[in-house]
Protein backbone atom coordinates (compact mmCIF):
# COMPACT_ATOMS: atom_id res chain seq x y z
CA MET A 1 -65.12 14.03 -21.74
CA ARG A 2 -67.61 11.31 -20.85
CA PHE A 3 -65.14 8.66 -21.97
CA GLY A 4 -62.54 9.99 -19.50
CA ILE A 5 -65.03 9.94 -16.65
CA LEU A 6 -66.13 6.40 -17.45
CA THR A 7 -62.51 5.30 -17.74
CA ALA A 8 -61.64 6.84 -14.37
CA THR A 9 -64.67 5.19 -12.79
CA ALA A 10 -63.78 1.81 -14.30
CA ALA A 11 -60.17 2.17 -13.13
CA ALA A 12 -61.38 3.02 -9.62
CA MET A 13 -63.58 -0.08 -9.56
CA LEU A 14 -60.70 -2.29 -10.70
CA ALA A 15 -58.43 -0.78 -8.06
CA GLY A 16 -60.91 -1.67 -5.34
CA PHE A 17 -62.20 1.83 -4.68
CA GLY A 18 -65.82 2.81 -4.97
CA ALA A 19 -67.11 -0.71 -5.57
CA ALA A 20 -70.57 -1.54 -4.29
CA ASP A 21 -70.74 -2.54 -0.65
CA ASP A 22 -72.60 -5.77 -0.06
CA GLY A 23 -72.56 -5.59 3.74
CA PRO A 24 -74.54 -3.50 6.23
CA VAL A 25 -73.13 -0.04 6.80
CA GLY A 26 -73.94 2.70 9.23
CA PHE A 27 -72.24 2.34 12.59
CA THR A 28 -74.07 5.08 14.51
CA PRO A 29 -77.26 3.07 15.24
CA LYS A 30 -75.11 0.26 16.69
CA CYS A 31 -72.78 2.35 18.85
CA ASP A 32 -73.55 3.85 22.24
CA SER A 33 -70.67 6.28 21.78
CA TRP A 34 -67.74 6.90 19.47
CA ASN A 35 -64.68 9.11 19.42
CA LEU A 36 -63.00 10.62 16.37
CA PRO A 37 -59.88 12.64 17.26
CA ILE A 38 -59.01 13.24 13.56
CA ASP A 39 -58.69 16.98 14.23
CA TYR A 40 -55.38 16.13 15.90
CA GLY A 41 -53.91 14.03 13.08
CA VAL A 42 -55.14 10.71 14.45
CA THR A 43 -56.87 8.45 11.93
CA THR A 44 -58.12 5.86 14.43
CA MET A 45 -61.75 6.00 15.49
CA GLN A 46 -62.94 4.21 18.64
CA GLY A 47 -66.45 3.23 19.59
CA GLN A 48 -68.55 1.33 22.11
CA CYS A 49 -70.61 -0.81 19.72
CA ALA A 50 -72.61 -4.04 19.42
CA SER A 51 -73.56 -6.00 16.29
CA ASN A 52 -77.06 -6.63 17.66
CA ASN A 53 -79.24 -5.52 20.54
CA THR A 54 -79.03 -8.77 22.53
CA GLN A 55 -75.58 -8.23 24.00
CA GLY A 56 -73.58 -5.47 25.64
CA VAL A 57 -71.35 -3.04 23.79
CA THR A 58 -67.65 -3.67 23.19
CA CYS A 59 -64.84 -1.17 22.68
CA SER A 60 -63.27 -1.40 19.21
CA GLU A 61 -61.06 0.70 16.95
CA VAL A 62 -60.80 1.16 13.18
CA ASP A 63 -58.01 2.90 11.27
CA LEU A 64 -59.78 5.21 8.82
CA ASN A 65 -56.57 5.37 6.77
CA ALA A 66 -57.26 1.77 5.66
CA CYS A 67 -60.88 2.58 4.76
CA TYR A 68 -60.48 5.65 2.53
CA ALA A 69 -58.24 6.71 -0.35
CA ASN A 70 -57.43 10.01 -2.03
CA MET A 71 -58.27 9.86 -5.72
CA ASN A 72 -57.22 13.15 -7.30
CA GLY A 73 -58.35 15.26 -4.35
CA THR A 74 -61.50 13.29 -3.61
CA LEU A 75 -61.87 10.96 -0.63
CA VAL A 76 -63.38 7.65 -1.71
CA ALA A 77 -64.17 4.44 0.12
CA ALA A 78 -61.48 1.80 -0.32
CA THR A 79 -62.93 -1.69 -0.55
CA ASN A 80 -59.62 -3.52 -0.24
CA GLY A 81 -58.51 -2.18 3.17
CA LYS A 82 -55.54 -0.34 1.65
CA GLY A 83 -56.83 3.21 1.35
CA ASP A 84 -53.81 5.18 2.67
CA PHE A 85 -55.46 8.61 2.24
CA TYR A 86 -53.39 10.24 4.97
CA ARG A 87 -50.21 9.89 2.90
CA THR A 88 -51.51 12.60 0.52
CA CYS A 89 -54.00 14.43 2.75
CA SER A 90 -53.64 16.66 5.79
CA ASN A 91 -55.60 19.07 7.95
CA CYS A 92 -58.51 16.66 8.35
CA THR A 93 -61.22 18.03 10.60
CA THR A 94 -64.49 16.80 12.00
CA VAL A 95 -67.21 18.80 10.27
CA ASN A 96 -70.18 17.31 12.07
CA TYR A 97 -70.86 14.60 14.64
CA LYS A 98 -74.46 13.69 13.73
CA PRO A 99 -73.99 12.37 11.09
CA PRO A 100 -70.24 11.82 11.57
CA GLN A 101 -68.48 13.80 8.82
CA ILE A 102 -64.89 14.75 8.06
CA GLN A 103 -63.18 16.96 5.50
CA CYS A 104 -59.48 17.02 4.54
CA ARG A 105 -57.05 18.95 2.40
CA CYS A 106 -55.68 16.54 -0.24
CA TRP A 107 -53.38 16.63 -3.23
CA GLY A 108 -54.93 16.32 -6.68
CA THR A 109 -54.59 17.64 -10.22
CA ASP A 110 -56.30 20.75 -11.58
CA GLY A 111 -57.81 21.08 -15.08
CA ASN A 112 -54.38 21.99 -16.51
CA GLY A 113 -52.65 18.94 -15.07
CA ASN A 114 -50.93 20.89 -12.28
CA ARG A 115 -50.55 19.23 -8.89
CA VAL A 116 -52.52 21.26 -6.34
CA GLN A 117 -53.81 20.89 -2.83
CA MET A 118 -57.59 21.19 -2.46
CA ASP A 119 -60.35 20.77 0.09
CA THR A 120 -62.19 17.48 -0.30
CA GLN A 121 -65.92 17.07 -0.24
CA VAL A 122 -67.47 16.46 3.17
CA LEU A 123 -67.34 12.72 3.81
CA ASN A 124 -70.10 11.00 5.82
CA LEU A 125 -68.37 8.15 7.69
CA ASP A 126 -71.70 6.46 8.38
CA GLU A 127 -71.98 5.58 4.67
CA HIS A 128 -68.99 3.19 4.74
CA ILE A 129 -67.99 2.36 8.33
CA ARG A 130 -69.87 -0.60 9.79
CA VAL A 131 -70.04 -2.82 12.87
CA ASN A 132 -69.31 -6.52 12.36
CA ASP A 133 -68.73 -8.97 15.24
CA ASP A 134 -68.97 -5.99 17.62
CA ARG A 135 -66.02 -4.30 15.87
CA LEU A 136 -65.88 -1.11 13.84
CA GLY A 137 -64.56 -1.73 10.34
CA CYS A 138 -65.09 -1.21 6.63
CA ILE A 139 -65.17 -3.39 3.53
CA GLY A 140 -61.77 -5.08 3.25
CA TYR A 141 -60.61 -4.06 6.73
CA GLU A 142 -61.92 -5.10 10.12
CA GLY A 143 -60.97 -3.08 13.15
CA HIS A 144 -59.83 -4.63 16.40
CA TYR A 145 -61.00 -4.79 19.97
CA CYS A 146 -59.59 -2.26 22.41
CA CYS A 147 -57.96 -5.00 24.53
CA GLY A 148 -59.56 -3.88 27.76
CA LYS A 149 -58.78 -0.20 27.33
CA ARG A 150 -61.62 2.16 28.09
CA CYS A 151 -62.62 4.27 25.13
CA PRO A 152 -62.00 7.98 25.55
CA ASP A 153 -64.88 10.25 26.34
CA PRO A 154 -67.33 10.28 23.42
CA THR A 155 -67.31 13.22 21.04
CA TYR A 156 -71.08 13.18 20.77
């Protein structure tokens, strides 16, 4: 059994998922506000953030679908910007706002090899989402500026 777990972990690392993050993470200390309408099937998160405290905040967006992947019913951080979790997950909800957490219902395989839908673990977005050049993003995928649009009312 240990061999299978090690093999799955090694395969995940080679695929670009779950690899160590060498950049600063944790967007909440750098954002005045953020909005996560994932309860409505939207995977884009917006925030008013700044990379440092010497300048004003800027509106930016990040597509969480690029930042996370579904690996057998478990949401994992994608380090290549090609997560695509929403293709095999649904019913994502915001579990908590401080810290920002989501949970989804994703397809995976049970102990007998049957394809089943299961609830994922609660995922803390602050462990992988970061602010770089005043933009929300993740390893392998940088978000974009809001192009002058005002961010919606904050959810926290």
